[in-house]
Amino acid sequence: MKYGIWRTRYTRLIKNTFEGWLFINGQPLIFESEIQALNELKRLEKMIYDANIKHEVKKYCEVVK
């Protein structure tokens, strides 16, 4: 099982909420274990604080067609 960091960005209007996986350099930020993802999440939260953005660790799965 792989884990990623999910980002939800809230705006003043509920209709303008944006969600999606956190990407760095065009690649999703994916980890082999939940602990690795949580450690990276803590590191990101120390560097970047924005009251309008919520980050959380979720199971990552790719849809292959």
N, C-alpha and C. Protein backbone atom coordinates (compact mmCIF):
# COMPACT_ATOMS: atom_id res chain seq x y z
N MET A 1 0.85 -1.18 0.00
CA MET A 1 0.00 0.00 0.00
C MET A 1 0.89 1.24 0.00
N LYS A 2 0.55 2.20 -0.81
CA LYS A 2 1.30 3.46 -0.86
C LYS A 2 0.43 4.58 -0.30
N TYR A 3 1.12 5.61 0.18
CA TYR A 3 0.43 6.73 0.80
C TYR A 3 0.89 8.04 0.16
N GLY A 4 -0.02 8.98 0.10
CA GLY A 4 0.30 10.29 -0.44
C GLY A 4 -0.25 11.38 0.46
N ILE A 5 0.06 12.61 0.10
CA ILE A 5 -0.43 13.76 0.86
C ILE A 5 -1.52 14.44 0.04
N TRP A 6 -2.71 14.51 0.63
CA TRP A 6 -3.88 15.11 0.01
C TRP A 6 -4.01 16.54 0.48
N ARG A 7 -4.24 17.45 -0.46
CA ARG A 7 -4.33 18.87 -0.11
C ARG A 7 -5.73 19.37 -0.46
N THR A 8 -6.32 20.07 0.50
CA THR A 8 -7.61 20.72 0.28
C THR A 8 -7.41 22.20 0.54
N ARG A 9 -7.75 23.02 -0.44
CA ARG A 9 -7.61 24.47 -0.30
C ARG A 9 -9.00 25.09 -0.28
N TYR A 10 -9.27 25.80 0.79
CA TYR A 10 -10.58 26.43 0.97
C TYR A 10 -10.49 27.91 0.60
N THR A 11 -11.55 28.40 0.01
CA THR A 11 -11.65 29.83 -0.26
C THR A 11 -12.89 30.34 0.46
N ARG A 12 -13.14 31.60 0.33
CA ARG A 12 -14.28 32.18 1.05
C ARG A 12 -15.61 31.59 0.61
N LEU A 13 -15.69 31.23 -0.65
CA LEU A 13 -16.92 30.63 -1.16
C LEU A 13 -16.76 29.11 -1.17
N ILE A 14 -17.73 28.40 -0.65
CA ILE A 14 -17.66 26.94 -0.58
C ILE A 14 -17.47 26.34 -1.97
N LYS A 15 -18.03 26.96 -2.99
CA LYS A 15 -17.94 26.42 -4.34
C LYS A 15 -16.52 26.48 -4.89
N ASN A 16 -15.66 27.28 -4.28
CA ASN A 16 -14.29 27.41 -4.76
C ASN A 16 -13.31 26.63 -3.89
N THR A 17 -13.63 25.37 -3.62
CA THR A 17 -12.75 24.50 -2.85
C THR A 17 -11.99 23.62 -3.84
N PHE A 18 -10.67 23.54 -3.67
CA PHE A 18 -9.83 22.75 -4.57
C PHE A 18 -9.20 21.62 -3.80
N GLU A 19 -9.25 20.41 -4.35
CA GLU A 19 -8.67 19.25 -3.71
C GLU A 19 -7.80 18.49 -4.69
N GLY A 20 -6.81 17.79 -4.16
CA GLY A 20 -6.00 16.94 -5.01
C GLY A 20 -4.73 16.51 -4.31
N TRP A 21 -4.02 15.58 -4.95
CA TRP A 21 -2.75 15.10 -4.42
C TRP A 21 -1.71 16.18 -4.53
N LEU A 22 -0.80 16.19 -3.58
CA LEU A 22 0.30 17.14 -3.59
C LEU A 22 1.34 16.66 -4.59
N PHE A 23 1.70 17.54 -5.53
CA PHE A 23 2.69 17.23 -6.56
C PHE A 23 3.92 18.10 -6.36
N ILE A 24 5.08 17.53 -6.62
CA ILE A 24 6.33 18.28 -6.62
C ILE A 24 7.04 17.97 -7.93
N ASN A 25 7.36 19.00 -8.68
CA ASN A 25 7.99 18.86 -9.99
C ASN A 25 7.20 17.95 -10.92
N GLY A 26 5.88 18.05 -10.87
CA GLY A 26 5.01 17.29 -11.77
C GLY A 26 4.78 15.84 -11.37
N GLN A 27 5.35 15.40 -10.26
CA GLN A 27 5.18 14.03 -9.79
C GLN A 27 4.44 14.02 -8.45
N PRO A 28 3.51 13.08 -8.27
CA PRO A 28 2.82 13.02 -6.97
C PRO A 28 3.79 12.63 -5.87
N LEU A 29 3.61 13.18 -4.72
CA LEU A 29 4.45 12.90 -3.56
C LEU A 29 3.92 11.62 -2.91
N ILE A 30 4.59 10.48 -3.21
CA ILE A 30 4.13 9.16 -2.78
C ILE A 30 5.17 8.52 -1.87
N PHE A 31 4.70 7.79 -0.86
CA PHE A 31 5.57 7.14 0.11
C PHE A 31 5.19 5.68 0.27
N GLU A 32 6.17 4.87 0.64
CA GLU A 32 5.96 3.43 0.82
C GLU A 32 5.21 3.11 2.10
N SER A 33 5.32 3.96 3.12
CA SER A 33 4.63 3.69 4.38
C SER A 33 3.92 4.94 4.87
N GLU A 34 2.95 4.70 5.73
CA GLU A 34 2.18 5.81 6.29
C GLU A 34 3.07 6.67 7.19
N ILE A 35 4.01 6.04 7.88
CA ILE A 35 4.91 6.79 8.77
C ILE A 35 5.77 7.77 7.98
N GLN A 36 6.28 7.34 6.83
CA GLN A 36 7.07 8.24 5.98
C GLN A 36 6.24 9.44 5.54
N ALA A 37 5.00 9.17 5.15
CA ALA A 37 4.11 10.25 4.71
C ALA A 37 3.80 11.21 5.85
N LEU A 38 3.57 10.68 7.05
CA LEU A 38 3.29 11.54 8.20
C LEU A 38 4.50 12.40 8.57
N ASN A 39 5.70 11.83 8.48
CA ASN A 39 6.91 12.60 8.75
C ASN A 39 7.08 13.74 7.75
N GLU A 40 6.82 13.47 6.48
CA GLU A 40 6.92 14.52 5.47
C GLU A 40 5.85 15.58 5.68
N LEU A 41 4.65 15.16 6.06
CA LEU A 41 3.57 16.10 6.33
C LEU A 41 3.95 17.05 7.47
N LYS A 42 4.54 16.51 8.53
CA LYS A 42 4.98 17.35 9.65
C LYS A 42 6.04 18.35 9.20
N ARG A 43 6.97 17.89 8.35
CA ARG A 43 8.02 18.77 7.84
C ARG A 43 7.42 19.90 6.99
N LEU A 44 6.46 19.56 6.15
CA LEU A 44 5.81 20.57 5.32
C LEU A 44 5.04 21.58 6.16
N GLU A 45 4.37 21.10 7.19
CA GLU A 45 3.59 22.00 8.04
C GLU A 45 4.48 22.98 8.79
N LYS A 46 5.70 22.57 9.11
CA LYS A 46 6.63 23.49 9.77
C LYS A 46 7.11 24.57 8.81
N MET A 47 7.29 24.21 7.54
CA MET A 47 7.79 25.16 6.54
C MET A 47 6.70 26.10 6.02
N ILE A 48 5.51 25.54 5.81
CA ILE A 48 4.43 26.29 5.16
C ILE A 48 3.20 26.26 6.06
N TYR A 49 2.72 27.44 6.43
CA TYR A 49 1.47 27.50 7.19
C TYR A 49 0.51 28.40 6.44
N ASP A 50 -0.64 27.86 6.14
CA ASP A 50 -1.71 28.62 5.51
C ASP A 50 -3.02 28.12 6.10
N ALA A 51 -3.75 28.99 6.76
CA ALA A 51 -4.99 28.59 7.41
C ALA A 51 -6.05 28.12 6.42
N ASN A 52 -5.87 28.43 5.14
CA ASN A 52 -6.85 28.04 4.12
C ASN A 52 -6.54 26.71 3.46
N ILE A 53 -5.43 26.07 3.83
CA ILE A 53 -5.04 24.81 3.22
C ILE A 53 -4.94 23.73 4.30
N LYS A 54 -5.57 22.60 4.02
CA LYS A 54 -5.51 21.46 4.93
C LYS A 54 -4.79 20.32 4.22
N HIS A 55 -3.78 19.75 4.87
CA HIS A 55 -3.07 18.60 4.33
C HIS A 55 -3.39 17.38 5.19
N GLU A 56 -3.50 16.22 4.55
CA GLU A 56 -3.71 14.98 5.29
C GLU A 56 -3.11 13.81 4.51
N VAL A 57 -2.78 12.76 5.22
CA VAL A 57 -2.22 11.56 4.60
C VAL A 57 -3.38 10.63 4.25
N LYS A 58 -3.36 10.14 3.00
CA LYS A 58 -4.38 9.19 2.54
C LYS A 58 -3.71 8.07 1.77
N LYS A 59 -4.41 6.96 1.66
CA LYS A 59 -3.93 5.86 0.82
C LYS A 59 -3.97 6.33 -0.63
N TYR A 60 -2.90 6.05 -1.36
CA TYR A 60 -2.79 6.50 -2.74
C TYR A 60 -3.00 5.32 -3.67
N CYS A 61 -3.85 5.50 -4.64
CA CYS A 61 -4.03 4.48 -5.66
C CYS A 61 -4.15 5.16 -7.00
N GLU A 62 -3.55 4.56 -7.99
CA GLU A 62 -3.62 5.10 -9.34
C GLU A 62 -4.66 4.32 -10.12
N VAL A 63 -5.39 5.01 -10.95
CA VAL A 63 -6.36 4.35 -11.82
C VAL A 63 -5.68 4.12 -13.15
N VAL A 64 -5.53 2.88 -13.51
CA VAL A 64 -4.87 2.52 -14.78
C VAL A 64 -5.94 2.03 -15.73
N LYS A 65 -6.00 2.66 -16.91
CA LYS A 65 -7.03 2.27 -17.89
C LYS A 65 -6.45 1.32 -18.88
